[in-house]
Amino acid sequence: MLRIGLVCLAGTALAVVGCSGSKVTTKAANELPRYQVKTMAFVPFTTIATPQVRDQGDLIMSTPQSVRRSDISIEVPSNVEHVPRQTVRVPAVAAEKVAQLFWTRLRHRTGVTVLSPSDTRKAMASLGGDPLKTTPELAAAAVARKLTQDAALIGEVLVYQERVGSRMGASPAAAVGFEVKVIAADGQVLWVGNYYERQRPMIEDFMGFIHRWAFVTADELAVYGVDEVLKEFPFGAGGEK
């Protein structure tokens, strides 16, 4: 009985320590209650322009603290070169994938009518102007006014790294991060939602891992991230129209 109790206690401690916390953060503007958002333009998503440092997995295995220095002897050559950090650009297709996930869900949302990305893209083309001389928020507000919408939804994919390996083991694991914003027609940022997750092994994220029981793909992480962010979306309500 004592052994069983210790095992259960250890499992409980692992669940508490291994939980990585929320992977989604959202923030609403203080002015949000003053706005009645019933219509929204869906602006095509973008990807971050600057290259991101690629997670190369666990390239170094440290010596366990339980092993005394006198028990092992490792000679490290003085001319060892550090593994250079690799950078990679977020693929443009990642923006299309994440945008499609949001659009598929928002088009059926009750209480708010969302214009499709294709309709919004036409309005953006007709506005013209130099995109380098404005911000994404101001551009989104201009699109909302052009289409006589209450607000516009914009999004940017910041990380989209595919796993290297299989469902049984991956190094590095998949990682996905994106940010979405709702901009009122007058330029006020009404709401911001962020998601970032790099899947971790069970010993680092116990609850997260047992939720999937495998190393998932970047596309699967994106689906999870979109669904979790939309749980906090304050406009309209989920479900079929």
Protein backbone atom coordinates (compact mmCIF):
# COMPACT_ATOMS: atom_id res chain seq x y z
CA MET A 1 0.00 0.00 0.00
CA LEU A 2 2.84 2.35 0.84
CA ARG A 3 4.47 1.75 -2.55
CA ILE A 4 1.19 2.37 -4.38
CA GLY A 5 0.68 5.59 -2.44
CA LEU A 6 4.16 6.82 -3.33
CA VAL A 7 3.58 6.06 -7.01
CA CYS A 8 0.31 8.00 -7.00
CA LEU A 9 1.94 10.92 -5.20
CA ALA A 10 4.79 10.97 -7.72
CA GLY A 11 2.28 10.96 -10.59
CA THR A 12 0.40 13.87 -9.07
CA ALA A 13 3.61 15.85 -8.60
CA LEU A 14 4.59 15.20 -12.23
CA ALA A 15 1.22 16.44 -13.45
CA VAL A 16 1.57 19.67 -11.48
CA VAL A 17 5.20 20.36 -12.32
CA GLY A 18 4.96 19.24 -15.94
CA CYS A 19 2.01 21.44 -16.84
CA SER A 20 3.38 24.18 -19.12
CA GLY A 21 0.59 26.67 -18.50
CA SER A 22 -1.60 28.47 -21.00
CA LYS A 23 -0.44 28.55 -24.61
CA VAL A 24 -3.05 31.19 -25.51
CA THR A 25 -3.15 34.80 -24.35
CA THR A 26 -5.79 37.37 -25.24
CA LYS A 27 -6.38 41.02 -24.46
CA ALA A 28 -9.42 43.21 -25.03
CA ALA A 29 -9.32 46.99 -25.21
CA ASN A 30 -10.96 48.95 -22.42
CA GLU A 31 -13.06 50.67 -25.08
CA LEU A 32 -14.45 47.40 -26.49
CA PRO A 33 -17.89 47.70 -24.78
CA ARG A 34 -18.51 50.97 -26.69
CA TYR A 35 -18.30 49.18 -30.05
CA GLN A 36 -21.04 47.16 -31.70
CA VAL A 37 -19.24 44.80 -34.08
CA LYS A 38 -21.77 43.00 -36.26
CA THR A 39 -19.83 42.94 -39.53
CA MET A 40 -16.16 42.21 -40.08
CA ALA A 41 -13.76 42.09 -43.03
CA PHE A 42 -11.35 39.16 -43.07
CA VAL A 43 -7.97 40.50 -44.22
CA PRO A 44 -5.66 37.84 -45.72
CA PHE A 45 -3.04 36.77 -43.17
CA THR A 46 0.69 37.41 -43.51
CA THR A 47 3.89 35.85 -42.20
CA ILE A 48 6.62 37.58 -40.22
CA ALA A 49 9.24 38.97 -42.60
CA THR A 50 12.37 38.44 -40.51
CA PRO A 51 13.99 34.97 -40.42
CA GLN A 52 13.40 33.03 -37.20
CA VAL A 53 15.93 30.94 -35.28
CA ARG A 54 15.18 27.31 -36.00
CA ASP A 55 14.82 24.96 -33.07
CA GLN A 56 17.37 22.24 -33.73
CA GLY A 57 16.30 19.94 -30.92
CA ASP A 58 18.40 18.68 -28.05
CA LEU A 59 21.88 18.86 -29.54
CA ILE A 60 23.68 18.68 -26.18
CA MET A 61 23.15 16.06 -23.49
CA SER A 62 24.28 17.32 -20.07
CA THR A 63 25.76 15.09 -17.38
CA PRO A 64 23.19 14.11 -14.72
CA GLN A 65 23.79 15.80 -11.38
CA SER A 66 23.69 12.42 -9.67
CA VAL A 67 26.98 11.48 -11.35
CA ARG A 68 29.96 12.81 -9.39
CA ARG A 69 32.79 14.49 -11.31
CA SER A 70 35.20 11.84 -10.01
CA ASP A 71 33.09 9.07 -11.58
CA ILE A 72 33.62 10.16 -15.17
CA SER A 73 36.29 11.89 -17.15
CA ILE A 74 35.52 13.58 -20.45
CA GLU A 75 38.21 15.38 -22.35
CA VAL A 76 36.75 18.22 -24.40
CA PRO A 77 39.03 19.42 -27.21
CA SER A 78 39.74 23.15 -27.09
CA ASN A 79 39.02 23.53 -30.80
CA VAL A 80 35.41 22.29 -30.65
CA GLU A 81 33.13 24.53 -32.69
CA HIS A 82 29.67 25.42 -31.47
CA VAL A 83 26.83 24.30 -33.69
CA PRO A 84 25.73 27.43 -35.57
CA ARG A 85 22.17 28.56 -35.02
CA GLN A 86 20.10 28.08 -38.14
CA THR A 87 17.49 30.55 -39.26
CA VAL A 88 14.47 29.88 -41.42
CA ARG A 89 11.72 31.99 -42.91
CA VAL A 90 8.12 31.24 -42.07
CA PRO A 91 6.66 29.74 -45.29
CA ALA A 92 4.01 31.85 -47.00
CA VAL A 93 1.71 28.83 -47.14
CA ALA A 94 1.54 28.92 -43.33
CA ALA A 95 -0.42 32.18 -43.49
CA GLU A 96 -2.88 30.61 -45.91
CA LYS A 97 -3.31 27.54 -43.71
CA VAL A 98 -3.96 29.46 -40.50
CA ALA A 99 -6.24 31.96 -42.27
CA GLN A 100 -8.27 29.12 -43.79
CA LEU A 101 -8.72 27.55 -40.35
CA PHE A 102 -10.05 30.82 -38.96
CA TRP A 103 -12.26 31.49 -41.98
CA THR A 104 -13.80 28.00 -41.91
CA ARG A 105 -14.93 28.59 -38.32
CA LEU A 106 -15.86 32.27 -38.50
CA ARG A 107 -18.02 31.94 -41.61
CA HIS A 108 -20.46 29.87 -39.51
CA ARG A 109 -20.31 32.09 -36.45
CA THR A 110 -23.62 33.57 -35.31
CA GLY A 111 -24.00 37.19 -34.29
CA VAL A 112 -21.34 38.52 -36.67
CA THR A 113 -21.07 38.46 -40.45
CA VAL A 114 -17.53 37.99 -41.75
CA LEU A 115 -16.59 38.86 -45.33
CA SER A 116 -14.36 36.33 -47.04
CA PRO A 117 -10.62 36.95 -47.56
CA SER A 118 -11.16 37.03 -51.34
CA ASP A 119 -13.71 39.84 -51.08
CA THR A 120 -11.44 41.78 -48.74
CA ARG A 121 -8.45 41.29 -51.04
CA LYS A 122 -10.31 43.03 -53.87
CA ALA A 123 -10.99 46.03 -51.65
CA MET A 124 -7.34 46.19 -50.61
CA ALA A 125 -6.26 46.23 -54.25
CA SER A 126 -8.63 49.09 -55.05
CA LEU A 127 -7.29 51.21 -52.20
CA GLY A 128 -3.79 51.27 -53.66
CA GLY A 129 -1.13 53.25 -51.83
CA ASP A 130 2.28 52.18 -50.56
CA PRO A 131 1.92 49.44 -47.91
CA LEU A 132 5.35 50.39 -46.52
CA LYS A 133 4.05 53.81 -45.52
CA THR A 134 1.31 52.52 -43.24
CA THR A 135 0.80 49.93 -40.51
CA PRO A 136 -1.24 46.72 -40.80
CA GLU A 137 -3.70 48.19 -38.28
CA LEU A 138 -4.29 51.39 -40.25
CA ALA A 139 -4.55 49.44 -43.50
CA ALA A 140 -7.13 47.13 -41.93
CA ALA A 141 -9.16 50.10 -40.70
CA ALA A 142 -9.12 51.58 -44.21
CA VAL A 143 -10.38 48.28 -45.64
CA ALA A 144 -13.18 48.15 -43.06
CA ARG A 145 -14.29 51.67 -44.01
CA LYS A 146 -14.07 50.88 -47.73
CA LEU A 147 -16.34 47.87 -47.29
CA THR A 148 -18.57 49.65 -44.72
CA GLN A 149 -17.73 47.03 -42.10
CA ASP A 150 -17.62 47.60 -38.36
CA ALA A 151 -14.13 46.08 -38.05
CA ALA A 152 -11.45 44.01 -39.75
CA LEU A 153 -9.60 40.87 -38.66
CA ILE A 154 -5.87 40.64 -39.38
CA GLY A 155 -3.38 37.92 -38.56
CA GLU A 156 0.33 37.19 -38.72
CA VAL A 157 2.03 33.80 -38.46
CA LEU A 158 5.21 34.15 -36.42
CA VAL A 159 6.39 30.53 -36.19
CA TYR A 160 5.55 27.48 -38.30
CA GLN A 161 8.13 24.75 -37.87
CA GLU A 162 7.39 21.19 -38.85
CA ARG A 163 8.50 18.31 -36.67
CA VAL A 164 11.55 16.28 -37.65
CA GLY A 165 10.72 12.67 -36.94
CA SER A 166 7.54 10.70 -36.44
CA ARG A 167 4.57 10.58 -34.07
CA MET A 168 6.63 8.35 -31.78
CA GLY A 169 9.63 10.67 -31.55
CA ALA A 170 10.61 14.04 -32.98
CA SER A 171 13.59 16.36 -32.55
CA PRO A 172 12.84 19.12 -32.99
CA ALA A 173 9.12 18.85 -32.39
CA ALA A 174 6.59 20.96 -34.26
CA ALA A 175 6.15 24.61 -33.26
CA VAL A 176 3.43 27.08 -34.25
CA GLY A 177 2.82 30.69 -33.24
CA PHE A 178 0.48 33.35 -34.56
CA GLU A 179 -1.23 36.60 -33.58
CA VAL A 180 -4.65 37.87 -34.62
CA LYS A 181 -6.19 41.31 -34.08
CA VAL A 182 -9.60 42.89 -34.56
CA ILE A 183 -9.35 46.51 -35.70
CA ALA A 184 -12.34 48.86 -35.64
CA ALA A 185 -13.08 51.01 -38.68
CA ASP A 186 -11.79 54.04 -36.77
CA GLY A 187 -8.40 52.35 -36.18
CA GLN A 188 -8.92 51.26 -32.57
CA VAL A 189 -7.39 47.86 -31.76
CA LEU A 190 -10.31 46.11 -30.07
CA TRP A 191 -8.89 42.67 -29.35
CA VAL A 192 -5.66 40.71 -29.67
CA GLY A 193 -5.20 36.93 -29.47
CA ASN A 194 -1.87 35.08 -29.38
CA TYR A 195 -0.99 31.40 -29.58
CA TYR A 196 2.43 29.80 -29.33
CA GLU A 197 3.33 26.19 -28.70
CA ARG A 198 6.38 24.04 -29.25
CA GLN A 199 5.33 20.54 -28.37
CA ARG A 200 7.41 19.18 -25.51
CA PRO A 201 8.05 15.65 -24.28
CA MET A 202 5.99 14.21 -21.45
CA ILE A 203 8.57 15.00 -18.76
CA GLU A 204 8.30 18.73 -19.60
CA ASP A 205 4.59 19.05 -20.41
CA PHE A 206 2.73 16.12 -18.88
CA MET A 207 -0.83 17.35 -19.43
CA GLY A 208 -0.12 18.66 -22.91
CA PHE A 209 1.46 15.40 -24.03
CA ILE A 210 -1.19 13.03 -22.68
CA HIS A 211 -3.78 15.20 -24.47
CA ARG A 212 -2.29 13.95 -27.76
CA TRP A 213 -0.17 10.89 -26.87
CA ALA A 214 2.08 11.56 -29.85
CA PHE A 215 4.29 14.15 -31.50
CA VAL A 216 1.91 15.99 -33.79
CA THR A 217 2.48 17.97 -36.98
CA ALA A 218 2.55 21.74 -37.31
CA ASP A 219 -0.81 21.59 -39.08
CA GLU A 220 -2.32 19.75 -36.10
CA LEU A 221 -0.92 22.32 -33.68
CA ALA A 222 -2.40 25.10 -35.82
CA VAL A 223 -5.87 23.51 -35.63
CA TYR A 224 -5.60 23.31 -31.84
CA GLY A 225 -4.34 26.89 -31.60
CA VAL A 226 -7.13 28.35 -33.73
CA ASP A 227 -9.82 26.52 -31.76
CA GLU A 228 -8.36 27.65 -28.44
CA VAL A 229 -8.03 31.29 -29.52
CA LEU A 230 -11.62 31.36 -30.79
CA LYS A 231 -12.85 30.22 -27.38
CA GLU A 232 -11.85 33.72 -26.21
CA PHE A 233 -13.13 35.55 -29.31
CA PRO A 234 -15.58 38.19 -28.02
CA PHE A 235 -17.48 38.76 -31.27
CA GLY A 236 -20.53 36.71 -32.15
CA ALA A 237 -20.90 33.13 -30.95
CA GLY A 238 -19.78 29.74 -32.23
CA GLY A 239 -22.13 27.40 -34.04
CA GLU A 240 -23.93 27.15 -37.33
CA LYS A 241 -25.86 30.14 -38.70
